[in-house]
N, C-alpha and C. Protein backbone atom coordinates (compact mmCIF):
# COMPACT_ATOMS: atom_id res chain seq x y z
N UNK A 1 68.38 -56.63 37.75
CA UNK A 1 67.48 -55.74 38.90
C UNK A 1 68.82 -54.48 39.00
N UNK A 2 70.12 -55.09 39.02
CA UNK A 2 70.89 -54.08 39.14
C UNK A 2 71.35 -52.89 38.24
N UNK A 3 71.42 -53.36 36.84
CA UNK A 3 71.41 -52.88 35.73
C UNK A 3 70.16 -51.71 35.86
N UNK A 4 68.66 -52.00 35.96
CA UNK A 4 67.75 -51.19 36.03
C UNK A 4 67.81 -50.38 36.91
N UNK A 5 68.08 -50.48 38.46
CA UNK A 5 68.02 -49.60 39.27
C UNK A 5 69.19 -48.68 39.39
N UNK A 6 70.59 -48.89 38.70
CA UNK A 6 71.47 -48.18 38.47
C UNK A 6 71.31 -47.08 37.28
N UNK A 7 70.57 -47.11 36.28
CA UNK A 7 70.35 -46.40 35.33
C UNK A 7 69.00 -45.65 35.69
N UNK A 8 67.52 -45.88 36.59
CA UNK A 8 67.10 -45.15 36.87
C UNK A 8 66.79 -44.60 38.59
N UNK A 9 66.83 -43.29 38.71
CA UNK A 9 66.58 -43.19 40.35
C UNK A 9 65.40 -42.67 40.79
N UNK A 10 64.54 -42.49 39.49
CA UNK A 10 63.20 -42.39 39.58
C UNK A 10 61.94 -43.27 39.34
N UNK A 11 61.26 -44.23 39.68
CA UNK A 11 60.49 -45.13 39.18
C UNK A 11 59.44 -44.58 38.35
N UNK A 12 59.18 -43.37 38.69
CA UNK A 12 58.31 -42.79 37.62
C UNK A 12 58.34 -43.05 36.06
N UNK A 13 59.77 -43.29 35.84
CA UNK A 13 60.16 -42.73 34.53
C UNK A 13 60.04 -43.86 33.87
N UNK A 14 59.30 -45.14 34.48
CA UNK A 14 59.12 -46.02 33.31
C UNK A 14 57.87 -45.74 32.40
N UNK A 15 57.15 -45.02 32.73
CA UNK A 15 55.67 -44.78 31.87
C UNK A 15 56.22 -44.14 30.66
N UNK A 16 57.01 -43.06 31.20
CA UNK A 16 57.66 -42.38 29.76
C UNK A 16 58.40 -43.13 28.86
N UNK A 17 59.34 -44.07 29.45
CA UNK A 17 60.37 -44.64 28.74
C UNK A 17 59.44 -45.63 27.83
N UNK A 18 58.40 -46.51 28.64
CA UNK A 18 57.72 -47.39 27.53
C UNK A 18 56.75 -46.44 26.39
N UNK A 19 56.11 -45.37 26.85
CA UNK A 19 55.32 -44.55 26.04
C UNK A 19 56.03 -43.82 24.78
N UNK A 20 57.55 -43.96 25.18
CA UNK A 20 58.51 -43.41 24.31
C UNK A 20 58.55 -44.58 23.30
N UNK A 21 59.05 -46.01 23.84
CA UNK A 21 59.08 -46.84 22.88
C UNK A 21 57.90 -47.18 21.91
N UNK A 22 56.69 -46.92 22.50
CA UNK A 22 55.69 -46.85 21.36
C UNK A 22 55.54 -45.96 20.61
N UNK A 23 55.71 -44.55 20.40
CA UNK A 23 55.65 -43.52 19.95
C UNK A 23 57.06 -44.17 18.79
N UNK A 24 58.26 -44.63 19.00
CA UNK A 24 59.32 -44.98 18.46
C UNK A 24 58.55 -45.96 17.19
N UNK A 25 57.68 -46.64 17.48
CA UNK A 25 57.55 -47.69 16.64
C UNK A 25 56.34 -47.72 16.21
N UNK A 26 55.55 -46.13 16.50
CA UNK A 26 55.07 -45.90 15.46
C UNK A 26 55.49 -45.08 14.33
N UNK A 27 56.35 -44.07 14.91
CA UNK A 27 57.26 -43.69 14.01
C UNK A 27 57.67 -44.26 12.76
N UNK A 28 58.44 -45.82 13.10
CA UNK A 28 58.88 -46.58 12.26
C UNK A 28 58.22 -46.84 11.41
N UNK A 29 57.04 -47.20 11.81
CA UNK A 29 55.96 -47.95 10.76
C UNK A 29 55.43 -46.72 9.57
N UNK A 30 55.46 -45.53 10.35
CA UNK A 30 54.98 -44.19 9.37
C UNK A 30 55.80 -44.56 8.48
N UNK A 31 56.90 -44.33 8.90
CA UNK A 31 58.38 -43.99 7.86
C UNK A 31 58.35 -45.05 6.54
N UNK A 32 58.49 -46.16 7.32
CA UNK A 32 58.31 -47.58 6.67
C UNK A 32 57.05 -47.39 5.33
N UNK A 33 55.90 -46.88 5.90
CA UNK A 33 54.82 -47.04 4.70
C UNK A 33 55.23 -45.65 3.72
N UNK A 34 55.71 -44.41 4.19
CA UNK A 34 55.69 -43.26 3.63
C UNK A 34 57.06 -43.60 2.31
N UNK A 35 57.88 -44.82 2.99
CA UNK A 35 59.02 -44.68 2.02
C UNK A 35 59.02 -45.90 0.85
N UNK A 36 57.90 -46.76 1.54
CA UNK A 36 57.71 -48.06 0.80
C UNK A 36 57.51 -47.39 -1.07
N UNK A 37 57.66 -48.42 -1.60
CA UNK A 37 57.40 -47.92 -3.10
C UNK A 37 55.82 -47.77 -3.40
N UNK A 38 55.73 -46.36 -3.97
CA UNK A 38 54.24 -46.50 -4.20
C UNK A 38 53.91 -45.68 -2.65
N UNK A 39 54.49 -45.88 -1.72
CA UNK A 39 53.70 -45.37 -0.44
C UNK A 39 53.47 -43.62 -0.76
N UNK A 40 52.09 -43.10 -0.44
CA UNK A 40 51.84 -41.96 -0.68
C UNK A 40 51.76 -41.48 0.97
N UNK A 41 51.02 -42.15 1.37
CA UNK A 41 50.61 -41.56 3.05
C UNK A 41 50.67 -42.58 4.13
N UNK A 42 50.82 -41.55 5.28
CA UNK A 42 51.10 -42.82 6.54
C UNK A 42 49.92 -43.24 7.07
N UNK A 43 49.99 -44.12 7.61
CA UNK A 43 48.69 -45.03 8.17
C UNK A 43 48.88 -44.01 9.75
N UNK A 44 46.99 -43.99 10.03
CA UNK A 44 47.12 -43.59 11.25
C UNK A 44 47.45 -44.26 12.43
N UNK A 45 48.24 -43.41 13.47
CA UNK A 45 48.89 -44.21 14.55
C UNK A 45 48.39 -44.23 15.49
N UNK A 46 48.13 -44.63 16.92
CA UNK A 46 47.87 -44.41 18.35
C UNK A 46 48.62 -45.32 19.26
N UNK A 47 48.52 -44.38 20.42
CA UNK A 47 49.10 -45.07 21.81
C UNK A 47 48.01 -44.89 22.63
N UNK A 48 47.66 -45.88 23.21
CA UNK A 48 46.77 -46.04 24.48
C UNK A 48 47.36 -46.75 25.50
N UNK A 49 47.36 -45.83 26.70
CA UNK A 49 47.35 -46.35 28.02
C UNK A 49 46.35 -46.67 28.90
N UNK A 50 46.25 -47.59 29.42
CA UNK A 50 45.10 -48.47 30.39
C UNK A 50 45.56 -48.59 31.59
N UNK A 51 44.89 -48.65 33.10
CA UNK A 51 45.31 -49.03 33.94
C UNK A 51 43.91 -49.70 34.28
N UNK A 52 44.43 -51.11 34.99
CA UNK A 52 43.84 -51.78 35.50
C UNK A 52 43.74 -51.99 37.27
N UNK A 53 43.02 -51.00 38.03
CA UNK A 53 43.60 -50.91 39.32
C UNK A 53 43.39 -52.54 40.30
N UNK A 54 42.17 -53.12 39.71
CA UNK A 54 42.26 -54.51 40.45
C UNK A 54 43.25 -55.54 40.06
N UNK A 55 43.63 -55.61 39.02
CA UNK A 55 44.65 -56.64 38.19
C UNK A 55 45.91 -55.92 38.76
N UNK A 56 46.29 -54.62 39.28
CA UNK A 56 47.32 -54.08 39.37
C UNK A 56 48.14 -54.16 37.99
N UNK A 57 47.84 -53.96 37.07
CA UNK A 57 48.39 -53.58 35.88
C UNK A 57 48.33 -52.58 35.00
N UNK A 58 49.22 -52.16 33.91
CA UNK A 58 49.03 -50.79 33.27
C UNK A 58 49.61 -51.81 31.80
N UNK A 59 48.42 -51.37 31.07
CA UNK A 59 48.61 -51.98 29.40
C UNK A 59 49.29 -50.68 28.60
N UNK A 60 50.19 -50.54 27.73
CA UNK A 60 50.36 -49.62 26.88
C UNK A 60 50.40 -50.15 25.38
N UNK A 61 49.57 -49.91 24.67
CA UNK A 61 49.13 -50.27 23.30
C UNK A 61 49.72 -49.44 22.18
N UNK A 62 50.31 -49.99 21.38
CA UNK A 62 50.51 -48.97 20.23
C UNK A 62 50.09 -49.76 18.63
N UNK A 63 49.99 -48.77 17.88
CA UNK A 63 49.54 -49.39 16.13
C UNK A 63 50.92 -49.29 15.53
N UNK A 64 52.04 -49.24 16.20
CA UNK A 64 53.24 -49.16 15.58
C UNK A 64 53.85 -50.29 15.01
N UNK A 65 55.10 -50.70 14.28
CA UNK A 65 55.30 -51.69 13.76
C UNK A 65 55.74 -52.69 14.99
N UNK A 66 55.67 -53.93 14.51
CA UNK A 66 55.69 -54.98 15.57
C UNK A 66 56.75 -55.52 15.13
N UNK A 67 57.23 -56.83 16.26
CA UNK A 67 58.26 -57.56 15.95
C UNK A 67 58.58 -59.03 15.96
N UNK A 68 59.16 -59.74 15.22
CA UNK A 68 59.00 -60.84 14.58
C UNK A 68 60.01 -61.56 15.92
N UNK A 69 59.88 -62.94 15.80
CA UNK A 69 60.47 -63.86 16.79
C UNK A 69 61.95 -63.55 17.12
N UNK A 70 62.65 -63.34 15.95
CA UNK A 70 64.21 -63.26 16.07
C UNK A 70 64.44 -61.60 17.02
N UNK A 71 63.50 -60.93 16.27
CA UNK A 71 63.77 -59.07 16.97
C UNK A 71 63.03 -59.49 18.64
N UNK A 72 62.53 -60.00 18.49
CA UNK A 72 61.86 -60.18 20.30
C UNK A 72 62.98 -60.84 21.25
N UNK A 73 63.81 -61.60 20.55
CA UNK A 73 65.10 -62.22 21.35
C UNK A 73 66.26 -61.22 21.40
N UNK A 74 66.11 -60.70 20.10
CA UNK A 74 67.34 -59.60 20.16
C UNK A 74 67.34 -58.58 21.25
N UNK A 75 66.04 -57.97 20.60
CA UNK A 75 65.62 -56.31 21.12
C UNK A 75 65.24 -56.50 22.83
N UNK A 76 64.46 -57.43 23.43
CA UNK A 76 63.85 -57.44 24.46
C UNK A 76 64.69 -58.63 25.70
N UNK A 77 65.30 -59.55 24.43
CA UNK A 77 66.18 -60.45 25.39
C UNK A 77 67.65 -59.96 25.92
N UNK A 78 67.98 -59.09 25.50
CA UNK A 78 69.31 -58.56 25.58
C UNK A 78 69.48 -57.15 26.07
N UNK A 79 69.54 -56.89 27.31
CA UNK A 79 69.78 -55.39 27.79
C UNK A 79 70.57 -54.41 26.90
N UNK A 80 70.12 -53.43 26.43
CA UNK A 80 70.24 -52.38 25.73
C UNK A 80 70.82 -52.31 24.06
N UNK A 81 70.12 -53.77 23.66
CA UNK A 81 70.12 -53.73 22.35
C UNK A 81 69.07 -52.83 21.93
N UNK A 82 69.28 -52.05 20.62
CA UNK A 82 68.52 -51.03 20.17
C UNK A 82 68.10 -51.21 18.49
N UNK A 83 67.10 -51.35 18.39
CA UNK A 83 66.58 -51.88 17.27
C UNK A 83 66.43 -50.29 16.53
N UNK A 84 66.19 -49.40 17.09
CA UNK A 84 65.96 -48.10 16.81
C UNK A 84 67.31 -47.45 16.14
N UNK A 85 68.24 -48.03 17.50
CA UNK A 85 69.60 -47.30 17.10
C UNK A 85 70.42 -47.90 15.59
N UNK A 86 70.04 -49.29 15.38
CA UNK A 86 70.60 -49.62 14.26
C UNK A 86 69.65 -49.04 13.14
N UNK A 87 68.35 -48.79 12.98
CA UNK A 87 67.38 -48.71 12.15
C UNK A 87 68.17 -47.07 11.60
N UNK A 88 68.33 -46.01 12.69
CA UNK A 88 68.80 -45.17 12.39
C UNK A 88 70.43 -45.08 11.43
N UNK A 89 70.82 -46.24 11.94
CA UNK A 89 72.45 -45.96 11.48
C UNK A 89 72.09 -46.51 10.21
N UNK A 90 71.25 -47.24 9.71
CA UNK A 90 71.52 -47.69 8.26
C UNK A 90 70.54 -46.46 7.56
N UNK A 91 70.06 -45.78 8.29
CA UNK A 91 69.46 -44.58 7.26
C UNK A 91 70.41 -43.41 7.18
N UNK A 92 71.57 -43.46 7.79
CA UNK A 92 72.39 -41.88 7.86
C UNK A 92 72.74 -41.85 6.68
N UNK A 93 72.91 -42.61 5.57
CA UNK A 93 73.46 -42.16 4.14
C UNK A 93 72.23 -41.34 3.59
N UNK A 94 70.87 -41.54 4.09
CA UNK A 94 69.96 -40.50 3.45
C UNK A 94 69.46 -39.65 4.48
N UNK A 95 70.22 -38.52 4.53
CA UNK A 95 69.84 -37.10 5.75
C UNK A 95 68.33 -36.92 5.55
N UNK A 96 67.60 -36.57 4.40
CA UNK A 96 66.21 -36.49 4.82
C UNK A 96 65.21 -37.51 5.04
N UNK A 97 65.32 -38.73 5.19
CA UNK A 97 64.41 -39.85 5.59
C UNK A 97 63.78 -39.63 6.71
N UNK A 98 64.33 -39.27 7.96
CA UNK A 98 63.74 -39.55 9.35
C UNK A 98 64.62 -39.06 10.55
N UNK A 99 64.01 -38.75 11.75
CA UNK A 99 64.57 -38.34 12.70
C UNK A 99 64.16 -39.43 13.79
N UNK A 100 64.46 -40.47 14.04
CA UNK A 100 63.75 -41.01 14.70
C UNK A 100 64.81 -41.20 16.11
N UNK A 101 64.51 -41.27 17.11
CA UNK A 101 65.17 -41.07 18.38
C UNK A 101 64.72 -41.89 19.34
N UNK A 102 65.31 -42.86 19.51
CA UNK A 102 64.92 -43.86 20.79
C UNK A 102 65.77 -44.64 20.93
N UNK A 103 66.08 -45.71 21.79
CA UNK A 103 66.32 -46.51 22.47
C UNK A 103 65.35 -48.16 22.93
N UNK A 104 64.87 -48.84 21.94
CA UNK A 104 63.91 -49.83 22.50
C UNK A 104 65.48 -50.85 23.02
N UNK A 105 65.39 -51.05 24.45
CA UNK A 105 66.34 -51.62 25.36
C UNK A 105 66.21 -51.24 26.43
N UNK A 106 67.03 -50.63 26.84
CA UNK A 106 67.28 -50.10 27.97
C UNK A 106 66.19 -49.15 28.93
N UNK A 107 65.44 -48.46 27.70
CA UNK A 107 64.11 -47.87 28.23
C UNK A 107 63.38 -48.94 28.67
N UNK A 108 63.07 -50.05 27.79
CA UNK A 108 62.19 -50.82 28.21
C UNK A 108 62.03 -51.41 29.60
N UNK A 109 63.56 -51.64 29.79
CA UNK A 109 63.76 -52.38 31.42
C UNK A 109 63.63 -51.45 32.34
N UNK A 110 63.11 -50.42 32.21
CA UNK A 110 62.58 -49.71 33.18
C UNK A 110 61.42 -50.31 33.77
N UNK A 111 60.29 -50.99 32.89
CA UNK A 111 59.08 -51.35 33.33
C UNK A 111 59.56 -51.95 34.59
N UNK A 112 60.54 -52.68 34.75
CA UNK A 112 61.17 -53.89 36.07
C UNK A 112 61.51 -53.07 37.44
N UNK A 113 61.44 -51.48 36.83
CA UNK A 113 61.45 -50.84 38.54
C UNK A 113 59.88 -50.66 39.04
N UNK A 114 58.94 -51.38 38.50
CA UNK A 114 57.68 -51.39 39.01
C UNK A 114 56.90 -52.57 38.78
N UNK A 115 57.27 -53.49 38.14
CA UNK A 115 56.95 -54.84 37.71
C UNK A 115 57.99 -56.05 37.99
N UNK A 116 57.17 -57.26 38.49
CA UNK A 116 58.33 -58.56 38.59
C UNK A 116 57.97 -58.87 37.61
N UNK A 117 57.26 -58.87 37.18
CA UNK A 117 56.67 -59.55 35.85
C UNK A 117 56.75 -58.78 34.38
N UNK A 118 56.85 -58.62 33.50
CA UNK A 118 56.60 -57.99 32.24
C UNK A 118 56.50 -58.71 30.89
N UNK A 119 55.18 -58.40 30.74
CA UNK A 119 54.75 -59.08 29.13
C UNK A 119 54.60 -58.02 27.63
N UNK A 120 55.01 -58.63 26.63
CA UNK A 120 54.81 -57.74 25.56
C UNK A 120 53.97 -58.92 24.57
N UNK A 121 52.68 -58.67 23.53
CA UNK A 121 52.32 -59.21 22.96
C UNK A 121 52.59 -58.15 21.34
N UNK A 122 53.12 -58.85 20.57
CA UNK A 122 53.59 -58.13 19.39
C UNK A 122 53.05 -58.99 18.15
N UNK A 123 52.72 -58.25 16.67
CA UNK A 123 52.64 -59.23 15.62
C UNK A 123 53.37 -57.82 14.76
N UNK A 124 54.32 -58.57 13.79
CA UNK A 124 54.67 -58.19 12.62
C UNK A 124 54.20 -58.12 11.93
N UNK A 125 54.33 -56.97 10.59
CA UNK A 125 53.72 -57.17 9.50
C UNK A 125 53.89 -58.66 8.59
N UNK A 126 52.55 -59.32 8.58
CA UNK A 126 52.81 -60.96 7.89
C UNK A 126 53.06 -62.07 8.90
N UNK A 127 53.28 -61.42 9.98
CA UNK A 127 53.88 -62.61 10.94
C UNK A 127 52.80 -62.93 12.10
N UNK A 128 53.46 -64.07 12.63
CA UNK A 128 52.27 -64.64 13.80
C UNK A 128 52.38 -63.58 14.95
N UNK A 129 51.07 -63.92 15.66
CA UNK A 129 50.96 -62.83 17.06
C UNK A 129 51.80 -63.64 18.31
N UNK A 130 52.96 -62.82 18.96
CA UNK A 130 53.31 -63.27 19.58
C UNK A 130 53.33 -63.10 21.08
N UNK A 131 53.68 -63.72 22.24
CA UNK A 131 53.77 -63.04 23.55
C UNK A 131 55.29 -63.39 23.79
N UNK A 132 55.90 -62.23 24.71
CA UNK A 132 57.09 -62.41 25.35
C UNK A 132 56.73 -61.97 26.74
N UNK A 133 57.32 -62.86 27.70
CA UNK A 133 57.19 -62.99 29.18
C UNK A 133 58.44 -63.50 29.72
N UNK A 134 58.65 -61.82 30.75
CA UNK A 134 59.95 -62.02 31.19
C UNK A 134 59.88 -63.13 32.36
N UNK A 135 60.85 -63.93 32.84
CA UNK A 135 61.11 -64.82 33.94
C UNK A 135 61.11 -64.30 35.03
N UNK A 136 61.69 -64.81 36.15
CA UNK A 136 61.62 -64.69 37.37
C UNK A 136 62.74 -63.63 37.87
N UNK A 137 63.36 -62.26 37.16
CA UNK A 137 64.28 -61.88 37.47
C UNK A 137 65.56 -62.20 37.22
N UNK A 138 65.92 -63.40 37.04
CA UNK A 138 67.11 -63.84 36.41
C UNK A 138 67.66 -63.55 34.97
N UNK A 139 66.65 -62.96 34.23
CA UNK A 139 67.03 -62.96 32.83
C UNK A 139 66.54 -63.68 31.62
N UNK A 140 65.99 -64.42 32.21
CA UNK A 140 65.13 -65.57 31.89
C UNK A 140 63.92 -65.04 30.95
N UNK A 141 63.24 -65.69 29.99
CA UNK A 141 61.97 -64.69 29.24
C UNK A 141 61.69 -65.99 28.78
N UNK A 142 60.15 -66.00 28.16
CA UNK A 142 59.90 -67.08 27.02
C UNK A 142 59.11 -66.14 25.90
N UNK A 143 58.77 -67.29 24.94
CA UNK A 143 58.31 -66.34 23.36
C UNK A 143 57.14 -67.37 23.45
N UNK A 144 56.44 -67.50 23.16
CA UNK A 144 55.20 -68.19 22.56
C UNK A 144 54.12 -67.31 21.30
N UNK A 145 53.53 -68.00 20.94
CA UNK A 145 52.54 -67.88 20.05
C UNK A 145 51.40 -67.10 20.85
N UNK A 146 50.80 -66.27 20.78
CA UNK A 146 49.81 -65.86 21.36
C UNK A 146 48.19 -65.82 20.49
N UNK A 147 47.21 -66.45 21.67
CA UNK A 147 46.21 -66.91 20.91
C UNK A 147 45.33 -65.25 21.81
N UNK A 148 45.34 -64.66 22.27
CA UNK A 148 44.74 -63.48 22.68
C UNK A 148 44.01 -62.88 21.68
N UNK A 149 42.95 -61.62 21.86
CA UNK A 149 42.35 -61.12 20.68
C UNK A 149 43.61 -60.53 19.76
N UNK A 150 43.18 -60.31 18.63
CA UNK A 150 44.03 -60.00 17.58
C UNK A 150 44.76 -58.40 17.90
N UNK A 151 45.76 -58.36 17.30
CA UNK A 151 46.27 -56.78 17.39
C UNK A 151 45.55 -56.08 16.31
N UNK A 152 44.79 -55.00 16.32
CA UNK A 152 44.79 -53.99 15.54
C UNK A 152 45.67 -53.61 14.43
N UNK A 153 45.15 -53.68 13.33
CA UNK A 153 45.74 -52.76 12.31
C UNK A 153 46.78 -54.25 11.74
N UNK A 154 46.54 -55.56 12.32
CA UNK A 154 47.67 -56.28 11.81
C UNK A 154 47.08 -56.95 10.47
């Protein structure tokens, strides 16, 4: 809570940060598809934002790259871990490859400016669909198999 509130002075920033993370996931999936051996075209990507006034929830869905159980622990379980930053560092030797800008990590935590609990449902290529759920504000979280409707494009 202290870290989140010291990073962000405007609560409305959370939506921009989360949509930016969704965009980064789409960019990464697009890049991986194009750069794969024999890859010739990028898959169509989308980001949807849905509000449910009665449930008091906002859902942000993207068709980008998903995360494995280990990636959830590493990227969402530790503040300021950045999957995109590490991805960029690995590609620095190839200057024409991509121009991903993003920080999966700090931006994600902006969600706690407006929510007591955050849930992420994700599915990596060929992996199981998982649900990451934040705890009670102590930094605790759970990761479990998710049996809700299958994520599109998986």
